[in-house]
Structure formats: structure tokens, C-alpha cells
PDB file of N, CA and C in Angstrom:
ATOM      1  N   MET A   1      19.364  28.248  18.897  1.00  0.00           N
ATOM      2  CA  MET A   1      17.958  28.522  17.938  1.00  0.00           C
ATOM      3  C   MET A   1      18.347  27.399  16.633  1.00  0.00           C
ATOM      4  N   ARG A   2      19.791  28.235  16.491  1.00  0.00           N
ATOM      5  CA  ARG A   2      20.008  27.036  15.133  1.00  0.00           C
ATOM      6  C   ARG A   2      20.049  25.572  15.186  1.00  0.00           C
ATOM      7  N   TYR A   3      20.307  25.124  16.321  1.00  0.00           N
ATOM      8  CA  TYR A   3      20.604  23.897  16.771  1.00  0.00           C
ATOM      9  C   TYR A   3      19.076  23.310  16.528  1.00  0.00           C
ATOM     10  N   LYS A   4      18.203  23.713  17.385  1.00  0.00           N
ATOM     11  CA  LYS A   4      17.153  23.666  17.236  1.00  0.00           C
ATOM     12  C   LYS A   4      15.717  23.045  15.602  1.00  0.00           C
ATOM     13  N   VAL A   5      16.566  24.013  15.484  1.00  0.00           N
ATOM     14  CA  VAL A   5      15.625  23.962  14.243  1.00  0.00           C
ATOM     15  C   VAL A   5      16.287  22.784  12.627  1.00  0.00           C
ATOM     16  N   SER A   6      17.610  23.055  13.286  1.00  0.00           N
ATOM     17  CA  SER A   6      17.874  21.979  11.923  1.00  0.00           C
ATOM     18  C   SER A   6      17.510  20.606  12.492  1.00  0.00           C
ATOM     19  N   MET A   7      16.931  20.512  13.874  1.00  0.00           N
ATOM     20  CA  MET A   7      16.974  19.268  14.348  1.00  0.00           C
ATOM     21  C   MET A   7      15.589  18.722  14.424  1.00  0.00           C
ATOM     22  N   ASP A   8      14.719  19.826  14.332  1.00  0.00           N
ATOM     23  CA  ASP A   8      13.729  19.676  13.738  1.00  0.00           C
ATOM     24  C   ASP A   8      12.918  18.999  12.076  1.00  0.00           C
ATOM     25  N   MET A   9      14.274  19.962  11.570  1.00  0.00           N
ATOM     26  CA  MET A   9      14.008  19.084   9.798  1.00  0.00           C
ATOM     27  C   MET A   9      14.662  17.600  10.093  1.00  0.00           C
ATOM     28  N   ILE A  10      15.651  17.596  10.623  1.00  0.00           N
ATOM     29  CA  ILE A  10      16.177  16.095  10.647  1.00  0.00           C
ATOM     30  C   ILE A  10      14.669  15.020  11.260  1.00  0.00           C
ATOM     31  N   LYS A  11      14.627  15.701  11.781  1.00  0.00           N
ATOM     32  CA  LYS A  11      13.603  14.596  13.015  1.00  0.00           C
ATOM     33  C   LYS A  11      12.038  14.623  11.484  1.00  0.00           C
ATOM     34  N   ARG A  12      11.493  15.363  10.897  1.00  0.00           N
ATOM     35  CA  ARG A  12      10.480  15.879  10.040  1.00  0.00           C
ATOM     36  C   ARG A  12      10.425  14.883   8.450  1.00  0.00           C
ATOM     37  N   ALA A  13      12.105  15.384   8.077  1.00  0.00           N
ATOM     38  CA  ALA A  13      12.788  14.310   6.954  1.00  0.00           C
ATOM     39  C   ALA A  13      12.831  12.748   7.491  1.00  0.00           C
ATOM     40  N   THR A  14      13.341  12.859   8.941  1.00  0.00           N
ATOM     41  CA  THR A  14      13.143  11.024   9.350  1.00  0.00           C
ATOM     42  C   THR A  14      11.831  10.238   8.986  1.00  0.00           C
ATOM     43  N   ALA A  15      11.039  11.313   9.571  1.00  0.00           N
ATOM     44  CA  ALA A  15       9.796  10.937   9.482  1.00  0.00           C
ATOM     45  C   ALA A  15       8.911  10.591   8.264  1.00  0.00           C
ATOM     46  N   ILE A  16       9.533  11.320   7.300  1.00  0.00           N
ATOM     47  CA  ILE A  16       8.767  11.277   6.155  1.00  0.00           C
ATOM     48  C   ILE A  16       9.510  10.077   5.690  1.00  0.00           C
ATOM     49  N   LEU A  17      10.849   9.560   5.464  1.00  0.00           N
ATOM     50  CA  LEU A  17      11.082   8.324   4.718  1.00  0.00           C
ATOM     51  C   LEU A  17      10.940   7.245   5.203  1.00  0.00           C
ATOM     52  N   GLU A  18      10.192   7.220   6.749  1.00  0.00           N
ATOM     53  CA  GLU A  18       9.540   6.229   7.579  1.00  0.00           C
ATOM     54  C   GLU A  18       8.842   5.949   6.498  1.00  0.00           C
ATOM     55  N   LEU A  19       7.796   6.593   6.185  1.00  0.00           N
ATOM     56  CA  LEU A  19       6.693   6.962   6.134  1.00  0.00           C
ATOM     57  C   LEU A  19       6.554   6.042   4.472  1.00  0.00           C
ATOM     58  N   LEU A  20       7.709   6.800   3.832  1.00  0.00           N
ATOM     59  CA  LEU A  20       8.091   6.415   2.626  1.00  0.00           C
ATOM     60  C   LEU A  20       8.161   5.004   2.698  1.00  0.00           C
ATOM     61  N   LEU A  21       8.959   4.487   3.424  1.00  0.00           N
ATOM     62  CA  LEU A  21       9.573   3.044   3.457  1.00  0.00           C
ATOM     63  C   LEU A  21       8.392   1.407   4.034  1.00  0.00           C
ATOM     64  N   VAL A  22       7.567   2.455   4.698  1.00  0.00           N
ATOM     65  CA  VAL A  22       6.204   1.593   5.441  1.00  0.00           C
ATOM     66  C   VAL A  22       5.657   1.223   4.351  1.00  0.00           C
ATOM     67  N   PHE A  23       4.986   2.327   3.620  1.00  0.00           N
ATOM     68  CA  PHE A  23       3.804   2.346   2.868  1.00  0.00           C
ATOM     69  C   PHE A  23       3.829   1.032   1.865  1.00  0.00           C
ATOM     70  N   PRO A  24       4.849   0.947   0.955  1.00  0.00           N
ATOM     71  CA  PRO A  24       4.764  -0.397  -0.077  1.00  0.00           C
ATOM     72  C   PRO A  24       3.833  -1.607   1.038  1.00  0.00           C
ATOM     73  N   GLY A  25       4.708  -1.721   1.957  1.00  0.00           N
ATOM     74  CA  GLY A  25       4.614  -3.082   2.795  1.00  0.00           C
ATOM     75  C   GLY A  25       3.284  -3.116   3.280  1.00  0.00           C
ATOM     76  N   ALA A  26       2.384  -1.723   3.779  1.00  0.00           N
ATOM     77  CA  ALA A  26       1.230  -1.719   3.954  1.00  0.00           C
ATOM     78  C   ALA A  26       0.340  -1.879   2.888  1.00  0.00           C
ATOM     79  N   LEU A  27       0.463  -1.444   2.062  1.00  0.00           N
ATOM     80  CA  LEU A  27      -0.225  -1.399   1.020  1.00  0.00           C
ATOM     81  C   LEU A  27      -0.805  -2.936   0.274  1.00  0.00           C
ATOM     82  N   PHE A  28       0.859  -3.428   0.493  1.00  0.00           N
ATOM     83  CA  PHE A  28       0.806  -5.033   0.008  1.00  0.00           C
ATOM     84  C   PHE A  28      -0.374  -5.890   1.101  1.00  0.00           C
ATOM     85  N   MET A  29       0.109  -5.490   2.209  1.00  0.00           N
ATOM     86  CA  MET A  29      -0.569  -6.421   3.553  1.00  0.00           C
ATOM     87  C   MET A  29      -1.837  -6.597   3.697  1.00  0.00           C
ATOM     88  N   ALA A  30      -2.521  -4.889   2.734  1.00  0.00           N
ATOM     89  CA  ALA A  30      -4.156  -4.380   3.104  1.00  0.00           C
ATOM     90  C   ALA A  30      -5.061  -5.000   1.481  1.00  0.00           C
ATOM     91  N   THR A  31      -4.180  -5.570   0.517  1.00  0.00           N
ATOM     92  CA  THR A  31      -4.212  -5.945  -0.706  1.00  0.00           C
ATOM     93  C   THR A  31      -4.680  -7.821  -0.355  1.00  0.00           C
ATOM     94  N   LEU A  32      -3.773  -8.249   0.797  1.00  0.00           N
ATOM     95  CA  LEU A  32      -3.740  -9.735   0.769  1.00  0.00           C
ATOM     96  C   LEU A  32      -5.394  -9.525   1.623  1.00  0.00           C
ATOM     97  N   PHE A  33      -5.488  -8.963   2.916  1.00  0.00           N
ATOM     98  CA  PHE A  33      -7.075  -8.407   3.925  1.00  0.00           C
ATOM     99  C   PHE A  33      -7.967  -8.537   2.625  1.00  0.00           C
ATOM    100  N   ALA A  34      -7.717  -7.473   2.130  1.00  0.00           N
ATOM    101  CA  ALA A  34      -8.604  -7.381   0.912  1.00  0.00           C
ATOM    102  C   ALA A  34      -9.387  -8.274   0.054  1.00  0.00           C
ATOM    103  N   ARG A  35      -8.213  -9.083  -0.276  1.00  0.00           N
ATOM    104  CA  ARG A  35      -8.568 -10.175  -1.254  1.00  0.00           C
ATOM    105  C   ARG A  35      -9.031 -11.596  -0.214  1.00  0.00           C
ATOM    106  N   ASN A  36      -8.861 -11.871   0.569  1.00  0.00           N
ATOM    107  CA  ASN A  36      -9.854 -13.152   1.675  1.00  0.00           C
ATOM    108  C   ASN A  36     -11.138 -12.626   2.151  1.00  0.00           C
ATOM    109  N   LEU A  37     -11.272 -10.883   1.629  1.00  0.00           N
ATOM    110  CA  LEU A  37     -12.133 -10.415   2.601  1.00  0.00           C
ATOM    111  C   LEU A  37     -13.793 -10.948   1.563  1.00  0.00           C
ATOM    112  N   GLN A  38     -13.533 -11.273   0.509  1.00  0.00           N
ATOM    113  CA  GLN A  38     -15.263 -11.539  -0.773  1.00  0.00           C
ATOM    114  C   GLN A  38     -14.331 -12.138  -1.065  1.00  0.00           C
ATOM    115  N   PRO A  39     -15.661 -13.607  -1.701  1.00  0.00           N
ATOM    116  CA  PRO A  39     -15.155 -14.615  -2.446  1.00  0.00           C
ATOM    117  C   PRO A  39     -14.559 -14.349  -3.635  1.00  0.00           C
ATOM    118  N   ALA A  40     -13.834 -14.975  -4.571  1.00  0.00           N
ATOM    119  CA  ALA A  40     -13.197 -14.749  -5.507  1.00  0.00           C
ATOM    120  C   ALA A  40     -14.018 -14.531  -6.424  1.00  0.00           C
ATOM    121  N   PRO A  41     -15.248 -14.981  -6.971  1.00  0.00           N
ATOM    122  CA  PRO A  41     -15.529 -14.170  -8.133  1.00  0.00           C
ATOM    123  C   PRO A  41     -16.320 -12.609  -8.462  1.00  0.00           C
ATOM    124  N   PHE A  42     -16.213 -11.870  -7.494  1.00  0.00           N
ATOM    125  CA  PHE A  42     -16.316 -10.434  -7.120  1.00  0.00           C
ATOM    126  C   PHE A  42     -15.329  -9.377  -7.351  1.00  0.00           C
ATOM    127  N   GLU A  43     -15.807  -9.064  -8.226  1.00  0.00           N
ATOM    128  CA  GLU A  43     -14.086  -8.101  -8.794  1.00  0.00           C
ATOM    129  C   GLU A  43     -13.722  -7.500  -7.500  1.00  0.00           C
ATOM    130  N   PRO A  44     -14.118  -7.245  -6.872  1.00  0.00           N
ATOM    131  CA  PRO A  44     -12.611  -6.385  -5.878  1.00  0.00           C
ATOM    132  C   PRO A  44     -12.046  -7.040  -5.804  1.00  0.00           C
ATOM    133  N   ALA A  45     -12.507  -8.559  -5.305  1.00  0.00           N
ATOM    134  CA  ALA A  45     -11.510  -9.679  -4.996  1.00  0.00           C
ATOM    135  C   ALA A  45     -10.692  -9.851  -6.225  1.00  0.00           C
ATOM    136  N   GLN A  46     -10.730  -9.764  -7.318  1.00  0.00           N
ATOM    137  CA  GLN A  46     -10.545  -9.485  -8.624  1.00  0.00           C
ATOM    138  C   GLN A  46      -8.765  -8.806  -9.056  1.00  0.00           C
ATOM    139  N   SER A  47     -10.080  -7.954  -8.352  1.00  0.00           N
ATOM    140  CA  SER A  47      -8.448  -6.664  -8.682  1.00  0.00           C
ATOM    141  C   SER A  47      -7.514  -7.007  -7.988  1.00  0.00           C
ATOM    142  N   VAL A  48      -7.781  -6.130  -6.624  1.00  0.00           N
ATOM    143  CA  VAL A  48      -6.328  -7.510  -5.537  1.00  0.00           C
ATOM    144  C   VAL A  48      -5.476  -8.651  -6.068  1.00  0.00           C
ATOM    145  N   ARG A  49      -6.816  -9.403  -6.551  1.00  0.00           N
ATOM    146  CA  ARG A  49      -5.249 -10.762  -6.850  1.00  0.00           C
ATOM    147  C   ARG A  49      -4.611 -10.471  -8.165  1.00  0.00           C
ATOM    148  N   ARG A  50      -4.970  -9.705  -9.286  1.00  0.00           N
ATOM    149  CA  ARG A  50      -3.839  -8.797  -9.909  1.00  0.00           C
ATOM    150  C   ARG A  50      -3.063  -8.144  -9.155  1.00  0.00           C
ATOM    151  N   LEU A  51      -3.260  -7.414  -8.751  1.00  0.00           N
ATOM    152  CA  LEU A  51      -2.294  -6.759  -7.468  1.00  0.00           C
ATOM    153  C   LEU A  51      -1.030  -7.580  -7.185  1.00  0.00           C
ATOM    154  N   VAL A  52      -1.618  -8.367  -6.774  1.00  0.00           N
ATOM    155  CA  VAL A  52      -1.086  -9.801  -5.304  1.00  0.00           C
ATOM    156  C   VAL A  52      -0.169 -10.599  -6.180  1.00  0.00           C
ATOM    157  N   ASP A  53      -0.835 -10.618  -7.813  1.00  0.00           N
ATOM    158  CA  ASP A  53      -0.274 -12.350  -8.493  1.00  0.00           C
ATOM    159  C   ASP A  53       0.860 -11.410  -8.945  1.00  0.00           C
TER     160      ASP A  53
END
């Protein structure tokens, strides 16, 4: 039983670490997508441009 509990904790910790490592890249890709979504003069595109540049 102890083995199963420790493996569950290791799997959970690994999943959290993977999410933390993937999140910045996913956020960057989302900002690139949002920048191309609207023409440049509109406010959301300007805000995203500041994040990317």
C-alpha cells in the first residue's frame, strides 16, 4: 500500500511540474494568436504586442 501512495504522489508532482513548464510557452503562443486576431490599431492587439515585443 505504501508503494502505491508514493507512486501517486510522484505522478501528481510530475504532472504539476509538466504544467508549470508548458504554461509559459502556451501563454506566448496564445499572445501570438491574439495579436494576429485583430488589426493593430485596436486595444487588445496593442496590449498583446507589448507582451510579445
